[in-house]
């Protein structure tokens, strides 16, 4: 069970990394894309935080 949760947490972090790589690689610098990227980053960070808190309980 704990291993599964750790894997999910790693996957969330990988998604965050991939998102930033795509923005960098394809040069999406318009305001809308950057705003979406920032919002997705906030959501992913919050999910990772919640998963981490679950693991520590």
PDB file of N, CA and C in Angstrom:
ATOM      1  N   UNK A   1       0.824  -1.198   0.000  1.00  0.00           N
ATOM      2  CA  UNK A   1       0.000   0.000   0.000  1.00  0.00           C
ATOM      3  C   UNK A   1       0.863   1.255   0.000  1.00  0.00           C
ATOM      4  N   UNK A   2       1.845   1.325   0.868  1.00  0.00           N
ATOM      5  CA  UNK A   2       2.722   2.491   0.948  1.00  0.00           C
ATOM      6  C   UNK A   2       3.512   2.634  -0.347  1.00  0.00           C
ATOM      7  N   UNK A   3       3.969   1.508  -0.905  1.00  0.00           N
ATOM      8  CA  UNK A   3       4.722   1.548  -2.157  1.00  0.00           C
ATOM      9  C   UNK A   3       3.869   2.117  -3.280  1.00  0.00           C
ATOM     10  N   UNK A   4       2.597   1.760  -3.305  1.00  0.00           N
ATOM     11  CA  UNK A   4       1.676   2.265  -4.324  1.00  0.00           C
ATOM     12  C   UNK A   4       1.518   3.775  -4.187  1.00  0.00           C
ATOM     13  N   UNK A   5       1.393   4.254  -2.968  1.00  0.00           N
ATOM     14  CA  UNK A   5       1.250   5.690  -2.733  1.00  0.00           C
ATOM     15  C   UNK A   5       2.520   6.438  -3.114  1.00  0.00           C
ATOM     16  N   UNK A   6       3.674   5.858  -2.825  1.00  0.00           N
ATOM     17  CA  UNK A   6       4.934   6.483  -3.222  1.00  0.00           C
ATOM     18  C   UNK A   6       5.040   6.564  -4.739  1.00  0.00           C
ATOM     19  N   UNK A   7       4.601   5.535  -5.424  1.00  0.00           N
ATOM     20  CA  UNK A   7       4.618   5.527  -6.883  1.00  0.00           C
ATOM     21  C   UNK A   7       3.701   6.614  -7.438  1.00  0.00           C
ATOM     22  N   UNK A   8       2.531   6.772  -6.842  1.00  0.00           N
ATOM     23  CA  UNK A   8       1.608   7.831  -7.274  1.00  0.00           C
ATOM     24  C   UNK A   8       2.237   9.204  -7.073  1.00  0.00           C
ATOM     25  N   UNK A   9       2.907   9.396  -5.953  1.00  0.00           N
ATOM     26  CA  UNK A   9       3.565  10.668  -5.675  1.00  0.00           C
ATOM     27  C   UNK A   9       4.664  10.942  -6.696  1.00  0.00           C
ATOM     28  N   UNK A  10       5.438   9.919  -7.028  1.00  0.00           N
ATOM     29  CA  UNK A  10       6.480  10.074  -8.045  1.00  0.00           C
ATOM     30  C   UNK A  10       5.870  10.422  -9.394  1.00  0.00           C
ATOM     31  N   UNK A  11       4.746   9.800  -9.731  1.00  0.00           N
ATOM     32  CA  UNK A  11       4.078  10.089 -10.997  1.00  0.00           C
ATOM     33  C   UNK A  11       3.588  11.532 -11.064  1.00  0.00           C
ATOM     34  N   UNK A  12       3.087  12.043  -9.950  1.00  0.00           N
ATOM     35  CA  UNK A  12       2.649  13.435  -9.897  1.00  0.00           C
ATOM     36  C   UNK A  12       3.835  14.367 -10.158  1.00  0.00           C
ATOM     37  N   UNK A  13       4.960  14.070  -9.547  1.00  0.00           N
ATOM     38  CA  UNK A  13       6.154  14.887  -9.755  1.00  0.00           C
ATOM     39  C   UNK A  13       6.647  14.788 -11.198  1.00  0.00           C
ATOM     40  N   UNK A  14       6.548  13.613 -11.804  1.00  0.00           N
ATOM     41  CA  UNK A  14       6.939  13.450 -13.205  1.00  0.00           C
ATOM     42  C   UNK A  14       6.037  14.262 -14.126  1.00  0.00           C
ATOM     43  N   UNK A  15       4.746  14.313 -13.825  1.00  0.00           N
ATOM     44  CA  UNK A  15       3.824  15.117 -14.633  1.00  0.00           C
ATOM     45  C   UNK A  15       4.205  16.591 -14.572  1.00  0.00           C
ATOM     46  N   UNK A  16       4.556  17.048 -13.403  1.00  0.00           N
ATOM     47  CA  UNK A  16       4.963  18.440 -13.243  1.00  0.00           C
ATOM     48  C   UNK A  16       6.197  18.717 -14.098  1.00  0.00           C
ATOM     49  N   UNK A  17       7.168  17.825 -14.027  1.00  0.00           N
ATOM     50  CA  UNK A  17       8.398  17.989 -14.800  1.00  0.00           C
ATOM     51  C   UNK A  17       8.108  17.993 -16.302  1.00  0.00           C
ATOM     52  N   UNK A  18       7.282  17.064 -16.764  1.00  0.00           N
ATOM     53  CA  UNK A  18       6.942  16.977 -18.188  1.00  0.00           C
ATOM     54  C   UNK A  18       6.237  18.241 -18.662  1.00  0.00           C
ATOM     55  N   UNK A  19       5.358  18.774 -17.850  1.00  0.00           N
ATOM     56  CA  UNK A  19       4.656  20.004 -18.197  1.00  0.00           C
ATOM     57  C   UNK A  19       5.642  21.133 -18.431  1.00  0.00           C
ATOM     58  N   UNK A  20       6.588  21.293 -17.526  1.00  0.00           N
ATOM     59  CA  UNK A  20       7.571  22.364 -17.659  1.00  0.00           C
ATOM     60  C   UNK A  20       8.478  22.139 -18.867  1.00  0.00           C
ATOM     61  N   UNK A  21       8.828  20.889 -19.146  1.00  0.00           N
ATOM     62  CA  UNK A  21       9.661  20.579 -20.313  1.00  0.00           C
ATOM     63  C   UNK A  21       8.935  20.944 -21.604  1.00  0.00           C
ATOM     64  N   UNK A  22       7.655  20.625 -21.695  1.00  0.00           N
ATOM     65  CA  UNK A  22       6.880  20.942 -22.896  1.00  0.00           C
ATOM     66  C   UNK A  22       6.784  22.450 -23.105  1.00  0.00           C
ATOM     67  N   UNK A  23       6.542  23.170 -22.038  1.00  0.00           N
ATOM     68  CA  UNK A  23       6.460  24.632 -22.143  1.00  0.00           C
ATOM     69  C   UNK A  23       7.790  25.186 -22.646  1.00  0.00           C
ATOM     70  N   UNK A  24       8.879  24.684 -22.091  1.00  0.00           N
ATOM     71  CA  UNK A  24      10.217  25.123 -22.495  1.00  0.00           C
ATOM     72  C   UNK A  24      10.522  24.747 -23.943  1.00  0.00           C
ATOM     73  N   UNK A  25      10.325  23.484 -24.256  1.00  0.00           N
ATOM     74  CA  UNK A  25      10.693  22.934 -25.560  1.00  0.00           C
ATOM     75  C   UNK A  25       9.929  23.573 -26.713  1.00  0.00           C
ATOM     76  N   UNK A  26       8.641  23.789 -26.530  1.00  0.00           N
ATOM     77  CA  UNK A  26       7.824  24.304 -27.623  1.00  0.00           C
ATOM     78  C   UNK A  26       7.640  25.814 -27.577  1.00  0.00           C
ATOM     79  N   UNK A  27       8.215  26.448 -26.584  1.00  0.00           N
ATOM     80  CA  UNK A  27       8.213  27.903 -26.515  1.00  0.00           C
ATOM     81  C   UNK A  27       6.850  28.531 -26.283  1.00  0.00           C
ATOM     82  N   UNK A  28       5.987  27.838 -25.575  1.00  0.00           N
ATOM     83  CA  UNK A  28       4.686  28.408 -25.267  1.00  0.00           C
ATOM     84  C   UNK A  28       4.873  29.512 -24.228  1.00  0.00           C
ATOM     85  N   UNK A  29       4.889  30.732 -24.700  1.00  0.00           N
ATOM     86  CA  UNK A  29       5.125  31.841 -23.774  1.00  0.00           C
ATOM     87  C   UNK A  29       3.963  32.834 -23.740  1.00  0.00           C
ATOM     88  N   UNK A  30       2.867  32.514 -24.439  1.00  0.00           N
ATOM     89  CA  UNK A  30       1.734  33.433 -24.389  1.00  0.00           C
ATOM     90  C   UNK A  30       1.124  33.409 -22.986  1.00  0.00           C
ATOM     91  N   UNK A  31       0.428  34.473 -22.656  1.00  0.00           N
ATOM     92  CA  UNK A  31      -0.093  34.644 -21.294  1.00  0.00           C
ATOM     93  C   UNK A  31      -1.053  33.522 -20.883  1.00  0.00           C
ATOM     94  N   UNK A  32      -1.892  33.095 -21.802  1.00  0.00           N
ATOM     95  CA  UNK A  32      -2.870  32.054 -21.467  1.00  0.00           C
ATOM     96  C   UNK A  32      -2.172  30.736 -21.130  1.00  0.00           C
ATOM     97  N   UNK A  33      -1.198  30.355 -21.946  1.00  0.00           N
ATOM     98  CA  UNK A  33      -0.487  29.100 -21.703  1.00  0.00           C
ATOM     99  C   UNK A  33       0.284  29.161 -20.396  1.00  0.00           C
ATOM    100  N   UNK A  34       0.951  30.276 -20.150  1.00  0.00           N
ATOM    101  CA  UNK A  34       1.705  30.410 -18.907  1.00  0.00           C
ATOM    102  C   UNK A  34       0.781  30.391 -17.695  1.00  0.00           C
ATOM    103  N   UNK A  35      -0.388  30.995 -17.832  1.00  0.00           N
ATOM    104  CA  UNK A  35      -1.361  30.990 -16.748  1.00  0.00           C
ATOM    105  C   UNK A  35      -1.852  29.568 -16.474  1.00  0.00           C
ATOM    106  N   UNK A  36      -2.142  28.823 -17.540  1.00  0.00           N
ATOM    107  CA  UNK A  36      -2.569  27.431 -17.379  1.00  0.00           C
ATOM    108  C   UNK A  36      -1.462  26.588 -16.765  1.00  0.00           C
ATOM    109  N   UNK A  37      -0.245  26.824 -17.222  1.00  0.00           N
ATOM    110  CA  UNK A  37       0.900  26.086 -16.698  1.00  0.00           C
ATOM    111  C   UNK A  37       1.057  26.345 -15.205  1.00  0.00           C
ATOM    112  N   UNK A  38       0.927  27.601 -14.822  1.00  0.00           N
ATOM    113  CA  UNK A  38       1.067  27.964 -13.412  1.00  0.00           C
ATOM    114  C   UNK A  38      -0.044  27.321 -12.577  1.00  0.00           C
ATOM    115  N   UNK A  39      -1.265  27.361 -13.093  1.00  0.00           N
ATOM    116  CA  UNK A  39      -2.394  26.782 -12.361  1.00  0.00           C
ATOM    117  C   UNK A  39      -2.223  25.267 -12.221  1.00  0.00           C
ATOM    118  N   UNK A  40      -1.813  24.603 -13.314  1.00  0.00           N
ATOM    119  CA  UNK A  40      -1.572  23.162 -13.248  1.00  0.00           C
ATOM    120  C   UNK A  40      -0.464  22.842 -12.252  1.00  0.00           C
ATOM    121  N   UNK A  41       0.559  23.667 -12.237  1.00  0.00           N
ATOM    122  CA  UNK A  41       1.664  23.462 -11.298  1.00  0.00           C
ATOM    123  C   UNK A  41       1.166  23.560  -9.856  1.00  0.00           C
ATOM    124  N   UNK A  42       0.298  24.529  -9.592  1.00  0.00           N
ATOM    125  CA  UNK A  42      -0.260  24.688  -8.248  1.00  0.00           C
ATOM    126  C   UNK A  42      -1.107  23.474  -7.857  1.00  0.00           C
ATOM    127  N   UNK A  43      -1.910  22.985  -8.796  1.00  0.00           N
ATOM    128  CA  UNK A  43      -2.759  21.825  -8.525  1.00  0.00           C
ATOM    129  C   UNK A  43      -1.914  20.592  -8.256  1.00  0.00           C
ATOM    130  N   UNK A  44      -0.906  20.372  -9.097  1.00  0.00           N
ATOM    131  CA  UNK A  44      -0.032  19.211  -8.932  1.00  0.00           C
ATOM    132  C   UNK A  44       0.720  19.286  -7.611  1.00  0.00           C
ATOM    133  N   UNK A  45       1.193  20.479  -7.255  1.00  0.00           N
ATOM    134  CA  UNK A  45       1.909  20.644  -5.991  1.00  0.00           C
ATOM    135  C   UNK A  45       0.984  20.338  -4.809  1.00  0.00           C
ATOM    136  N   UNK A  46      -0.259  20.776  -4.893  1.00  0.00           N
ATOM    137  CA  UNK A  46      -1.212  20.515  -3.815  1.00  0.00           C
ATOM    138  C   UNK A  46      -1.514  19.016  -3.708  1.00  0.00           C
ATOM    139  N   UNK A  47      -1.683  18.355  -4.850  1.00  0.00           N
ATOM    140  CA  UNK A  47      -1.912  16.903  -4.839  1.00  0.00           C
ATOM    141  C   UNK A  47      -0.727  16.167  -4.229  1.00  0.00           C
ATOM    142  N   UNK A  48       0.468  16.570  -4.605  1.00  0.00           N
ATOM    143  CA  UNK A  48       1.671  15.938  -4.059  1.00  0.00           C
ATOM    144  C   UNK A  48       1.739  16.144  -2.549  1.00  0.00           C
ATOM    145  N   UNK A  49       1.390  17.334  -2.103  1.00  0.00           N
ATOM    146  CA  UNK A  49       1.405  17.639  -0.670  1.00  0.00           C
ATOM    147  C   UNK A  49       0.407  16.750   0.080  1.00  0.00           C
ATOM    148  N   UNK A  50      -0.783  16.608  -0.487  1.00  0.00           N
ATOM    149  CA  UNK A  50      -1.800  15.767   0.147  1.00  0.00           C
ATOM    150  C   UNK A  50      -1.369  14.305   0.187  1.00  0.00           C
ATOM    151  N   UNK A  51      -0.778  13.829  -0.898  1.00  0.00           N
ATOM    152  CA  UNK A  51      -0.291  12.448  -0.928  1.00  0.00           C
ATOM    153  C   UNK A  51       0.805  12.241   0.119  1.00  0.00           C
ATOM    154  N   UNK A  52       1.684  13.212   0.241  1.00  0.00           N
ATOM    155  CA  UNK A  52       2.780  13.111   1.211  1.00  0.00           C
ATOM    156  C   UNK A  52       2.226  13.079   2.637  1.00  0.00           C
ATOM    157  N   UNK A  53       1.229  13.934   2.907  1.00  0.00           N
ATOM    158  CA  UNK A  53       0.615  13.956   4.233  1.00  0.00           C
ATOM    159  C   UNK A  53      -0.035  12.610   4.559  1.00  0.00           C
ATOM    160  N   UNK A  54      -0.670  11.991   3.558  1.00  0.00           N
ATOM    161  CA  UNK A  54      -1.283  10.677   3.767  1.00  0.00           C
ATOM    162  C   UNK A  54      -0.224   9.652   4.153  1.00  0.00           C
ATOM    163  N   UNK A  55       0.932   9.742   3.505  1.00  0.00           N
ATOM    164  CA  UNK A  55       2.007   8.786   3.777  1.00  0.00           C
ATOM    165  C   UNK A  55       2.561   8.935   5.188  1.00  0.00           C
ATOM    166  N   UNK A  56       2.564  10.156   5.699  1.00  0.00           N
ATOM    167  CA  UNK A  56       3.143  10.412   7.012  1.00  0.00           C
ATOM    168  C   UNK A  56       2.208  10.026   8.157  1.00  0.00           C
ATOM    169  N   UNK A  57       0.946   9.771   7.845  1.00  0.00           N
ATOM    170  CA  UNK A  57      -0.024   9.416   8.894  1.00  0.00           C
ATOM    171  C   UNK A  57       0.149   8.010   9.352  1.00  0.00           C
TER     172      UNK A  57
END
